């Protein structure tokens, strides 16, 4: 067998885990495992945050549409025509004569 085939065969058999330098190899394998677990945990947390952001954006759009609808209703209620109509239902009408200015003179 050629040297590259033998090296590949030794790696597949796991001889690098029981050789003289196995302690160094095990340390590196544990380091890679911890690093992989950290990456997996991080990606799951990011996915959760992305989903939460999507939900909050949806709620924001709903609240914005409610705000706009409420604001337009308020503007309609504040119009002079709607106020005079509601007052007419109660028997009050808009005066046909303009108001007069009253001046008060104070003498010392």
Protein backbone atom coordinates (compact mmCIF):
# COMPACT_ATOMS: atom_id res chain seq x y z
CA UNK A 1 0.00 0.00 0.00
CA UNK A 2 1.12 3.55 -0.66
CA UNK A 3 1.84 5.94 2.17
CA UNK A 4 -1.28 8.07 1.57
CA UNK A 5 -3.51 5.00 1.54
CA UNK A 6 -1.89 3.75 4.73
CA UNK A 7 -2.35 7.16 6.40
CA UNK A 8 -5.99 7.29 5.37
CA UNK A 9 -6.47 3.72 6.58
CA UNK A 10 -4.88 4.59 9.97
CA UNK A 11 -7.16 7.62 10.33
CA UNK A 12 -10.24 5.53 9.58
CA UNK A 13 -9.12 2.90 12.10
CA UNK A 14 -8.60 5.62 14.71
CA UNK A 15 -4.95 4.91 15.41
CA UNK A 16 -4.33 8.63 16.00
CA UNK A 17 -6.41 8.27 19.17
CA UNK A 18 -4.21 5.58 20.72
CA UNK A 19 -0.73 6.63 19.51
CA UNK A 20 1.95 8.28 21.62
CA UNK A 21 0.66 11.76 20.78
CA UNK A 22 -2.95 10.80 21.54
CA UNK A 23 -3.19 13.23 24.46
CA UNK A 24 -2.63 16.16 22.13
CA UNK A 25 -5.12 14.75 19.62
CA UNK A 26 -7.77 14.16 22.30
CA UNK A 27 -7.38 17.73 23.53
CA UNK A 28 -7.89 19.05 20.03
CA UNK A 29 -10.93 16.79 19.49
CA UNK A 30 -12.50 17.96 22.75
CA UNK A 31 -11.79 21.57 21.79
CA UNK A 32 -13.49 21.06 18.39
CA UNK A 33 -16.46 19.35 20.08
CA UNK A 34 -16.93 22.22 22.54
CA UNK A 35 -16.60 24.71 19.72
CA UNK A 36 -19.22 22.85 17.64
CA UNK A 37 -21.62 22.76 20.62
CA UNK A 38 -21.16 26.50 21.15
CA UNK A 39 -21.90 27.16 17.49
CA UNK A 40 -25.05 25.01 17.60
CA UNK A 41 -26.28 26.72 20.77
CA UNK A 42 -25.56 30.14 19.31
CA UNK A 43 -27.44 29.38 16.09
CA UNK A 44 -30.48 28.14 18.05
CA UNK A 45 -30.52 31.31 20.14
CA UNK A 46 -30.26 33.45 17.01
CA UNK A 47 -33.17 31.55 15.44
CA UNK A 48 -35.30 32.18 18.53
CA UNK A 49 -34.46 35.88 18.46
CA UNK A 50 -35.26 36.13 14.75
CA UNK A 51 -38.64 34.49 15.36
CA UNK A 52 -39.33 36.84 18.27
CA UNK A 53 -38.40 39.85 16.12
CA UNK A 54 -40.81 38.65 13.41
CA UNK A 55 -43.62 38.31 15.96
CA UNK A 56 -42.89 41.77 17.41
CA UNK A 57 -42.85 43.32 13.92
CA UNK A 58 -46.23 41.77 13.20
CA UNK A 59 -47.63 43.15 16.47
CA UNK A 60 -46.14 46.55 15.65
CA UNK A 61 -47.90 46.61 12.28
CA UNK A 62 -51.20 45.63 13.95
CA UNK A 63 -50.86 48.34 16.59
CA UNK A 64 -49.94 50.88 13.93
CA UNK A 65 -53.06 50.05 11.91
CA UNK A 66 -55.21 50.29 15.07
CA UNK A 67 -53.63 53.65 15.84
CA UNK A 68 -54.33 54.99 12.35
CA UNK A 69 -57.94 53.72 12.47
CA UNK A 70 -58.52 55.27 15.91
CA UNK A 71 -56.93 58.54 14.84
CA UNK A 72 -59.16 58.78 11.76
CA UNK A 73 -62.25 58.03 13.90
CA UNK A 74 -61.21 60.78 16.30
CA UNK A 75 -60.76 63.24 13.45
CA UNK A 76 -64.27 62.42 12.19
CA UNK A 77 -65.72 62.95 15.67
CA UNK A 78 -63.97 66.31 16.03
CA UNK A 79 -65.38 67.70 12.79
CA UNK A 80 -67.84 70.56 13.26
CA UNK A 81 -70.55 68.80 11.24
CA UNK A 82 -70.52 65.70 13.47
CA UNK A 83 -70.53 67.82 16.63
CA UNK A 84 -73.46 69.94 15.42
CA UNK A 85 -75.34 66.79 14.41
CA UNK A 86 -74.91 65.26 17.90
CA UNK A 87 -75.95 68.52 19.53
CA UNK A 88 -79.03 68.69 17.27
CA UNK A 89 -80.06 65.27 18.58
CA UNK A 90 -80.05 66.78 22.08
CA UNK A 91 -81.99 69.82 21.01
CA UNK A 92 -79.12 72.31 20.78
CA UNK A 93 -78.48 74.22 17.57
CA UNK A 94 -75.76 76.48 16.27
CA UNK A 95 -76.59 80.14 16.77
CA UNK A 96 -77.48 82.11 13.64
CA UNK A 97 -76.36 85.45 15.10
CA UNK A 98 -72.68 85.98 15.68
CA UNK A 99 -71.52 86.54 19.25
CA UNK A 100 -70.93 90.07 20.53
CA UNK A 101 -67.78 91.14 22.25
CA UNK A 102 -68.25 92.33 25.82
CA UNK A 103 -65.76 94.86 27.06
CA UNK A 104 -65.27 95.39 30.77
CA UNK A 105 -63.73 98.66 31.91
CA UNK A 106 -62.06 98.65 35.28
CA UNK A 107 -61.77 101.98 37.15
CA UNK A 108 -59.29 102.45 39.96
